[in-house]
Structures are given as structure tokens and as C-alpha cells.
Amino acid sequence: MPVPADQALPPDEVRAAVDRAIADADAAGIRGAELTPWLLARVAELTDGASIRANTALIVNDARLAGRLAAELVRRRGA
């Protein structure tokens, strides 16, 4: 499922934040296992937390869908 529209970031804003975070990581010498958490934190900082809110909304939406699917499977099996 996509991020709910009211929580989604404009694609150009996301791309700019990611590009900037990658450039900043490169300049800081961040590599390997440290890179992903560093990038996520930097993107969150660059978007004033909007990326965290969008990711959280996506997780909630996915969990909601998984619950609906599970309930439908149980219903169809007659359990």
C-alpha cells in the first residue's frame, strides 16, 4: 500500500532530501553498516520529521491491510 496521501511527501522533496543526505554521508565518510541508519536520520532531519511520519503511516496502513487479509482468510476457511 502507498503512504496515505495526507502523510505523503512530495516526490521532489523526498528526492532532494535523499540526494542531500547521500552527499552529506559521502562528505562525512559514512559507509558500511553505519550508512542506512545515518541516512534515515539525516533525511528525517532534512524533512523536519515528515519522513518519519510518512514511514509510520505506511507501517500502520500495511498492518491494517494485513489484519483485513487475515480476517478474510479466517472467514473463508470458516474458522
PDB file of N, CA and C in Angstrom:
ATOM      1  N   MET A   1       0.853  -1.177   0.000  1.00  0.00           N
ATOM      2  CA  MET A   1       0.000   0.000   0.000  1.00  0.00           C
ATOM      3  C   MET A   1       0.900   1.241   0.000  1.00  0.00           C
ATOM      4  N   PRO A   2       0.464   2.267  -0.646  1.00  0.00           N
ATOM      5  CA  PRO A   2       1.231   3.517  -0.607  1.00  0.00           C
ATOM      6  C   PRO A   2       1.016   4.257   0.711  1.00  0.00           C
ATOM      7  N   VAL A   3       1.859   5.239   0.928  1.00  0.00           N
ATOM      8  CA  VAL A   3       1.690   6.121   2.086  1.00  0.00           C
ATOM      9  C   VAL A   3       0.370   6.876   1.898  1.00  0.00           C
ATOM     10  N   PRO A   4      -0.443   7.016   2.947  1.00  0.00           N
ATOM     11  CA  PRO A   4      -1.675   7.795   2.809  1.00  0.00           C
ATOM     12  C   PRO A   4      -1.358   9.197   2.293  1.00  0.00           C
ATOM     13  N   ALA A   5      -2.199   9.694   1.415  1.00  0.00           N
ATOM     14  CA  ALA A   5      -1.954  10.979   0.746  1.00  0.00           C
ATOM     15  C   ALA A   5      -1.716  12.114   1.737  1.00  0.00           C
ATOM     16  N   ASP A   6      -2.416  12.090   2.864  1.00  0.00           N
ATOM     17  CA  ASP A   6      -2.263  13.192   3.816  1.00  0.00           C
ATOM     18  C   ASP A   6      -0.946  13.132   4.584  1.00  0.00           C
ATOM     19  N   GLN A   7      -0.220  12.015   4.482  1.00  0.00           N
ATOM     20  CA  GLN A   7       1.071  11.859   5.154  1.00  0.00           C
ATOM     21  C   GLN A   7       2.245  11.784   4.173  1.00  0.00           C
ATOM     22  N   ALA A   8       1.935  11.680   2.895  1.00  0.00           N
ATOM     23  CA  ALA A   8       2.979  11.525   1.879  1.00  0.00           C
ATOM     24  C   ALA A   8       3.747  12.827   1.671  1.00  0.00           C
ATOM     25  N   LEU A   9       5.008  12.666   1.331  1.00  0.00           N
ATOM     26  CA  LEU A   9       5.850  13.814   0.996  1.00  0.00           C
ATOM     27  C   LEU A   9       5.877  13.986  -0.516  1.00  0.00           C
ATOM     28  N   PRO A  10       5.974  15.208  -0.983  1.00  0.00           N
ATOM     29  CA  PRO A  10       6.106  15.412  -2.430  1.00  0.00           C
ATOM     30  C   PRO A  10       7.370  14.713  -2.940  1.00  0.00           C
ATOM     31  N   PRO A  11       7.280  14.008  -4.056  1.00  0.00           N
ATOM     32  CA  PRO A  11       8.433  13.265  -4.576  1.00  0.00           C
ATOM     33  C   PRO A  11       9.690  14.117  -4.747  1.00  0.00           C
ATOM     34  N   ASP A  12       9.533  15.351  -5.197  1.00  0.00           N
ATOM     35  CA  ASP A  12      10.711  16.194  -5.386  1.00  0.00           C
ATOM     36  C   ASP A  12      11.373  16.544  -4.053  1.00  0.00           C
ATOM     37  N   GLU A  13      10.577  16.671  -2.996  1.00  0.00           N
ATOM     38  CA  GLU A  13      11.122  16.947  -1.664  1.00  0.00           C
ATOM     39  C   GLU A  13      11.885  15.739  -1.130  1.00  0.00           C
ATOM     40  N   VAL A  14      11.326  14.555  -1.345  1.00  0.00           N
ATOM     41  CA  VAL A  14      11.989  13.325  -0.912  1.00  0.00           C
ATOM     42  C   VAL A  14      13.306  13.160  -1.655  1.00  0.00           C
ATOM     43  N   ARG A  15      13.266  13.323  -2.972  1.00  0.00           N
ATOM     44  CA  ARG A  15      14.474  13.152  -3.786  1.00  0.00           C
ATOM     45  C   ARG A  15      15.547  14.139  -3.349  1.00  0.00           C
ATOM     46  N   ALA A  16      15.185  15.384  -3.113  1.00  0.00           N
ATOM     47  CA  ALA A  16      16.153  16.394  -2.688  1.00  0.00           C
ATOM     48  C   ALA A  16      16.764  16.032  -1.337  1.00  0.00           C
ATOM     49  N   ALA A  17      15.930  15.569  -0.408  1.00  0.00           N
ATOM     50  CA  ALA A  17      16.428  15.196   0.921  1.00  0.00           C
ATOM     51  C   ALA A  17      17.357  13.993   0.831  1.00  0.00           C
ATOM     52  N   VAL A  18      16.985  13.003   0.045  1.00  0.00           N
ATOM     53  CA  VAL A  18      17.818  11.805  -0.105  1.00  0.00           C
ATOM     54  C   VAL A  18      19.144  12.163  -0.778  1.00  0.00           C
ATOM     55  N   ASP A  19      19.081  12.950  -1.840  1.00  0.00           N
ATOM     56  CA  ASP A  19      20.312  13.365  -2.529  1.00  0.00           C
ATOM     57  C   ASP A  19      21.230  14.135  -1.590  1.00  0.00           C
ATOM     58  N   ARG A  20      20.661  15.027  -0.822  1.00  0.00           N
ATOM     59  CA  ARG A  20      21.462  15.810   0.128  1.00  0.00           C
ATOM     60  C   ARG A  20      22.060  14.915   1.202  1.00  0.00           C
ATOM     61  N   ALA A  21      21.250  13.982   1.726  1.00  0.00           N
ATOM     62  CA  ALA A  21      21.732  13.066   2.758  1.00  0.00           C
ATOM     63  C   ALA A  21      22.872  12.197   2.233  1.00  0.00           C
ATOM     64  N   ILE A  22      22.745  11.713   1.009  1.00  0.00           N
ATOM     65  CA  ILE A  22      23.810  10.903   0.407  1.00  0.00           C
ATOM     66  C   ILE A  22      25.082  11.725   0.261  1.00  0.00           C
ATOM     67  N   ALA A  23      24.946  12.946  -0.213  1.00  0.00           N
ATOM     68  CA  ALA A  23      26.119  13.818  -0.355  1.00  0.00           C
ATOM     69  C   ALA A  23      26.749  14.105   1.002  1.00  0.00           C
ATOM     70  N   ASP A  24      25.929  14.349   2.005  1.00  0.00           N
ATOM     71  CA  ASP A  24      26.440  14.621   3.348  1.00  0.00           C
ATOM     72  C   ASP A  24      27.157  13.394   3.921  1.00  0.00           C
ATOM     73  N   ALA A  25      26.590  12.210   3.693  1.00  0.00           N
ATOM     74  CA  ALA A  25      27.222  10.976   4.181  1.00  0.00           C
ATOM     75  C   ALA A  25      28.572  10.776   3.511  1.00  0.00           C
ATOM     76  N   ASP A  26      28.609  11.010   2.220  1.00  0.00           N
ATOM     77  CA  ASP A  26      29.861  10.866   1.489  1.00  0.00           C
ATOM     78  C   ASP A  26      30.911  11.834   2.025  1.00  0.00           C
ATOM     79  N   ALA A  27      30.507  13.074   2.239  1.00  0.00           N
ATOM     80  CA  ALA A  27      31.435  14.086   2.762  1.00  0.00           C
ATOM     81  C   ALA A  27      31.918  13.747   4.166  1.00  0.00           C
ATOM     82  N   ALA A  28      31.059  13.103   4.955  1.00  0.00           N
ATOM     83  CA  ALA A  28      31.407  12.740   6.331  1.00  0.00           C
ATOM     84  C   ALA A  28      32.125  11.394   6.410  1.00  0.00           C
ATOM     85  N   GLY A  29      32.238  10.692   5.278  1.00  0.00           N
ATOM     86  CA  GLY A  29      32.907   9.402   5.273  1.00  0.00           C
ATOM     87  C   GLY A  29      32.088   8.287   5.892  1.00  0.00           C
ATOM     88  N   ILE A  30      30.777   8.440   5.907  1.00  0.00           N
ATOM     89  CA  ILE A  30      29.894   7.412   6.475  1.00  0.00           C
ATOM     90  C   ILE A  30      29.747   6.291   5.446  1.00  0.00           C
ATOM     91  N   ARG A  31      30.028   5.058   5.880  1.00  0.00           N
ATOM     92  CA  ARG A  31      29.963   3.921   4.966  1.00  0.00           C
ATOM     93  C   ARG A  31      29.544   2.665   5.720  1.00  0.00           C
ATOM     94  N   GLY A  32      29.328   1.605   4.972  1.00  0.00           N
ATOM     95  CA  GLY A  32      29.066   0.294   5.559  1.00  0.00           C
ATOM     96  C   GLY A  32      27.788   0.251   6.376  1.00  0.00           C
ATOM     97  N   ALA A  33      27.857  -0.490   7.470  1.00  0.00           N
ATOM     98  CA  ALA A  33      26.681  -0.715   8.305  1.00  0.00           C
ATOM     99  C   ALA A  33      26.135   0.568   8.918  1.00  0.00           C
ATOM    100  N   GLU A  34      26.956   1.579   9.027  1.00  0.00           N
ATOM    101  CA  GLU A  34      26.506   2.853   9.605  1.00  0.00           C
ATOM    102  C   GLU A  34      25.669   3.673   8.631  1.00  0.00           C
ATOM    103  N   LEU A  35      25.770   3.376   7.330  1.00  0.00           N
ATOM    104  CA  LEU A  35      25.175   4.251   6.322  1.00  0.00           C
ATOM    105  C   LEU A  35      23.654   4.337   6.390  1.00  0.00           C
ATOM    106  N   THR A  36      22.967   3.207   6.406  1.00  0.00           N
ATOM    107  CA  THR A  36      21.495   3.250   6.362  1.00  0.00           C
ATOM    108  C   THR A  36      20.894   3.995   7.545  1.00  0.00           C
ATOM    109  N   PRO A  37      21.255   3.677   8.785  1.00  0.00           N
ATOM    110  CA  PRO A  37      20.657   4.438   9.886  1.00  0.00           C
ATOM    111  C   PRO A  37      21.025   5.917   9.837  1.00  0.00           C
ATOM    112  N   TRP A  38      22.234   6.213   9.387  1.00  0.00           N
ATOM    113  CA  TRP A  38      22.657   7.607   9.282  1.00  0.00           C
ATOM    114  C   TRP A  38      21.812   8.347   8.235  1.00  0.00           C
ATOM    115  N   LEU A  39      21.608   7.701   7.079  1.00  0.00           N
ATOM    116  CA  LEU A  39      20.794   8.321   6.031  1.00  0.00           C
ATOM    117  C   LEU A  39      19.360   8.539   6.495  1.00  0.00           C
ATOM    118  N   LEU A  40      18.778   7.537   7.155  1.00  0.00           N
ATOM    119  CA  LEU A  40      17.406   7.687   7.638  1.00  0.00           C
ATOM    120  C   LEU A  40      17.293   8.850   8.628  1.00  0.00           C
ATOM    121  N   ALA A  41      18.249   8.949   9.517  1.00  0.00           N
ATOM    122  CA  ALA A  41      18.229  10.050  10.486  1.00  0.00           C
ATOM    123  C   ALA A  41      18.426  11.390   9.799  1.00  0.00           C
ATOM    124  N   ARG A  42      19.319  11.433   8.826  1.00  0.00           N
ATOM    125  CA  ARG A  42      19.578  12.698   8.118  1.00  0.00           C
ATOM    126  C   ARG A  42      18.363  13.125   7.293  1.00  0.00           C
ATOM    127  N   VAL A  43      17.721  12.185   6.626  1.00  0.00           N
ATOM    128  CA  VAL A  43      16.514  12.513   5.852  1.00  0.00           C
ATOM    129  C   VAL A  43      15.420  13.008   6.803  1.00  0.00           C
ATOM    130  N   ALA A  44      15.283  12.375   7.958  1.00  0.00           N
ATOM    131  CA  ALA A  44      14.294  12.832   8.947  1.00  0.00           C
ATOM    132  C   ALA A  44      14.603  14.265   9.365  1.00  0.00           C
ATOM    133  N   GLU A  45      15.863  14.547   9.585  1.00  0.00           N
ATOM    134  CA  GLU A  45      16.267  15.904   9.965  1.00  0.00           C
ATOM    135  C   GLU A  45      15.969  16.898   8.841  1.00  0.00           C
ATOM    136  N   LEU A  46      16.307  16.530   7.623  1.00  0.00           N
ATOM    137  CA  LEU A  46      16.111  17.433   6.479  1.00  0.00           C
ATOM    138  C   LEU A  46      14.634  17.677   6.167  1.00  0.00           C
ATOM    139  N   THR A  47      13.772  16.731   6.534  1.00  0.00           N
ATOM    140  CA  THR A  47      12.331  16.878   6.271  1.00  0.00           C
ATOM    141  C   THR A  47      11.567  17.299   7.526  1.00  0.00           C
ATOM    142  N   ASP A  48      12.284  17.721   8.542  1.00  0.00           N
ATOM    143  CA  ASP A  48      11.652  18.126   9.811  1.00  0.00           C
ATOM    144  C   ASP A  48      10.734  17.041  10.369  1.00  0.00           C
ATOM    145  N   GLY A  49      11.153  15.788  10.230  1.00  0.00           N
ATOM    146  CA  GLY A  49      10.395  14.669  10.776  1.00  0.00           C
ATOM    147  C   GLY A  49       9.283  14.138   9.885  1.00  0.00           C
ATOM    148  N   ALA A  50       9.043  14.789   8.751  1.00  0.00           N
ATOM    149  CA  ALA A  50       7.951  14.341   7.873  1.00  0.00           C
ATOM    150  C   ALA A  50       8.209  12.936   7.328  1.00  0.00           C
ATOM    151  N   SER A  51       9.465  12.586   7.096  1.00  0.00           N
ATOM    152  CA  SER A  51       9.762  11.239   6.587  1.00  0.00           C
ATOM    153  C   SER A  51       9.420  10.183   7.633  1.00  0.00           C
ATOM    154  N   ILE A  52       9.624  10.478   8.895  1.00  0.00           N
ATOM    155  CA  ILE A  52       9.269   9.533   9.960  1.00  0.00           C
ATOM    156  C   ILE A  52       7.752   9.377  10.029  1.00  0.00           C
ATOM    157  N   ARG A  53       7.041  10.489   9.948  1.00  0.00           N
ATOM    158  CA  ARG A  53       5.573  10.413   9.978  1.00  0.00           C
ATOM    159  C   ARG A  53       5.049   9.623   8.778  1.00  0.00           C
ATOM    160  N   ALA A  54       5.642   9.832   7.605  1.00  0.00           N
ATOM    161  CA  ALA A  54       5.214   9.102   6.409  1.00  0.00           C
ATOM    162  C   ALA A  54       5.499   7.609   6.557  1.00  0.00           C
ATOM    163  N   ASN A  55       6.686   7.258   7.050  1.00  0.00           N
ATOM    164  CA  ASN A  55       7.026   5.842   7.238  1.00  0.00           C
ATOM    165  C   ASN A  55       6.133   5.191   8.280  1.00  0.00           C
ATOM    166  N   THR A  56       5.825   5.900   9.343  1.00  0.00           N
ATOM    167  CA  THR A  56       4.932   5.373  10.375  1.00  0.00           C
ATOM    168  C   THR A  56       3.536   5.138   9.805  1.00  0.00           C
ATOM    169  N   ALA A  57       3.047   6.091   9.031  1.00  0.00           N
ATOM    170  CA  ALA A  57       1.725   5.937   8.405  1.00  0.00           C
ATOM    171  C   ALA A  57       1.714   4.741   7.460  1.00  0.00           C
ATOM    172  N   LEU A  58       2.804   4.523   6.753  1.00  0.00           N
ATOM    173  CA  LEU A  58       2.908   3.380   5.850  1.00  0.00           C
ATOM    174  C   LEU A  58       2.860   2.071   6.636  1.00  0.00           C
ATOM    175  N   ILE A  59       3.577   1.997   7.742  1.00  0.00           N
ATOM    176  CA  ILE A  59       3.582   0.796   8.583  1.00  0.00           C
ATOM    177  C   ILE A  59       2.174   0.521   9.121  1.00  0.00           C
ATOM    178  N   VAL A  60       1.509   1.552   9.594  1.00  0.00           N
ATOM    179  CA  VAL A  60       0.149   1.394  10.123  1.00  0.00           C
ATOM    180  C   VAL A  60      -0.795   0.917   9.023  1.00  0.00           C
ATOM    181  N   ASN A  61      -0.682   1.508   7.844  1.00  0.00           N
ATOM    182  CA  ASN A  61      -1.529   1.095   6.716  1.00  0.00           C
ATOM    183  C   ASN A  61      -1.274  -0.365   6.352  1.00  0.00           C
ATOM    184  N   ASP A  62      -0.005  -0.751   6.312  1.00  0.00           N
ATOM    185  CA  ASP A  62       0.333  -2.139   5.977  1.00  0.00           C
ATOM    186  C   ASP A  62      -0.219  -3.101   7.026  1.00  0.00           C
ATOM    187  N   ALA A  63      -0.112  -2.729   8.301  1.00  0.00           N
ATOM    188  CA  ALA A  63      -0.643  -3.581   9.370  1.00  0.00           C
ATOM    189  C   ALA A  63      -2.161  -3.689   9.265  1.00  0.00           C
ATOM    190  N   ARG A  64      -2.810  -2.588   8.941  1.00  0.00           N
ATOM    191  CA  ARG A  64      -4.268  -2.596   8.775  1.00  0.00           C
ATOM    192  C   ARG A  64      -4.660  -3.553   7.648  1.00  0.00           C
ATOM    193  N   LEU A  65      -3.966  -3.473   6.528  1.00  0.00           N
ATOM    194  CA  LEU A  65      -4.248  -4.357   5.401  1.00  0.00           C
ATOM    195  C   LEU A  65      -3.985  -5.814   5.776  1.00  0.00           C
ATOM    196  N   ALA A  66      -2.886  -6.067   6.472  1.00  0.00           N
ATOM    197  CA  ALA A  66      -2.578  -7.437   6.887  1.00  0.00           C
ATOM    198  C   ALA A  66      -3.682  -7.980   7.791  1.00  0.00           C
ATOM    199  N   GLY A  67      -4.203  -7.161   8.675  1.00  0.00           N
ATOM    200  CA  GLY A  67      -5.297  -7.579   9.543  1.00  0.00           C
ATOM    201  C   GLY A  67      -6.548  -7.917   8.758  1.00  0.00           C
ATOM    202  N   ARG A  68      -6.862  -7.079   7.777  1.00  0.00           N
ATOM    203  CA  ARG A  68      -8.036  -7.346   6.939  1.00  0.00           C
ATOM    204  C   ARG A  68      -7.874  -8.643   6.154  1.00  0.00           C
ATOM    205  N   LEU A  69      -6.672  -8.847   5.616  1.00  0.00           N
ATOM    206  CA  LEU A  69      -6.422 -10.077   4.854  1.00  0.00           C
ATOM    207  C   LEU A  69      -6.535 -11.305   5.750  1.00  0.00           C
ATOM    208  N   ALA A  70      -5.963 -11.213   6.945  1.00  0.00           N
ATOM    209  CA  ALA A  70      -6.044 -12.343   7.873  1.00  0.00           C
ATOM    210  C   ALA A  70      -7.492 -12.638   8.243  1.00  0.00           C
ATOM    211  N   ALA A  71      -8.266 -11.608   8.509  1.00  0.00           N
ATOM    212  CA  ALA A  71      -9.682 -11.805   8.866  1.00  0.00           C
ATOM    213  C   ALA A  71     -10.442 -12.433   7.704  1.00  0.00           C
ATOM    214  N   GLU A  72     -10.149 -12.008   6.501  1.00  0.00           N
ATOM    215  CA  GLU A  72     -10.826 -12.581   5.332  1.00  0.00           C
ATOM    216  C   GLU A  72     -10.430 -14.036   5.132  1.00  0.00           C
ATOM    217  N   LEU A  73      -9.183 -14.368   5.335  1.00  0.00           N
ATOM    218  CA  LEU A  73      -8.755 -15.771   5.222  1.00  0.00           C
ATOM    219  C   LEU A  73      -9.464 -16.640   6.251  1.00  0.00           C
ATOM    220  N   VAL A  74      -9.568 -16.167   7.463  1.00  0.00           N
ATOM    221  CA  VAL A  74     -10.272 -16.910   8.506  1.00  0.00           C
ATOM    222  C   VAL A  74     -11.738 -17.063   8.124  1.00  0.00           C
ATOM    223  N   ARG A  75     -12.354 -16.005   7.651  1.00  0.00           N
ATOM    224  CA  ARG A  75     -13.756 -16.060   7.245  1.00  0.00           C
ATOM    225  C   ARG A  75     -13.971 -17.083   6.145  1.00  0.00           C
ATOM    226  N   ARG A  76     -13.082 -17.101   5.161  1.00  0.00           N
ATOM    227  CA  ARG A  76     -13.234 -18.031   4.030  1.00  0.00           C
ATOM    228  C   ARG A  76     -13.004 -19.495   4.430  1.00  0.00           C
ATOM    229  N   ARG A  77     -12.196 -19.692   5.444  1.00  0.00           N
ATOM    230  CA  ARG A  77     -11.939 -21.062   5.904  1.00  0.00           C
ATOM    231  C   ARG A  77     -12.985 -21.533   6.889  1.00  0.00           C
ATOM    232  N   GLY A  78     -13.850 -20.618   7.303  1.00  0.00           N
ATOM    233  CA  GLY A  78     -14.918 -20.978   8.214  1.00  0.00           C
ATOM    234  C   GLY A  78     -14.463 -21.224   9.641  1.00  0.00           C
ATOM    235  N   ALA A  79     -13.337 -20.689   9.978  1.00  0.00           N
ATOM    236  CA  ALA A  79     -12.806 -20.933  11.333  1.00  0.00           C
ATOM    237  C   ALA A  79     -13.441 -20.036  12.353  1.00  0.00           C
TER     238      ALA A  79
END
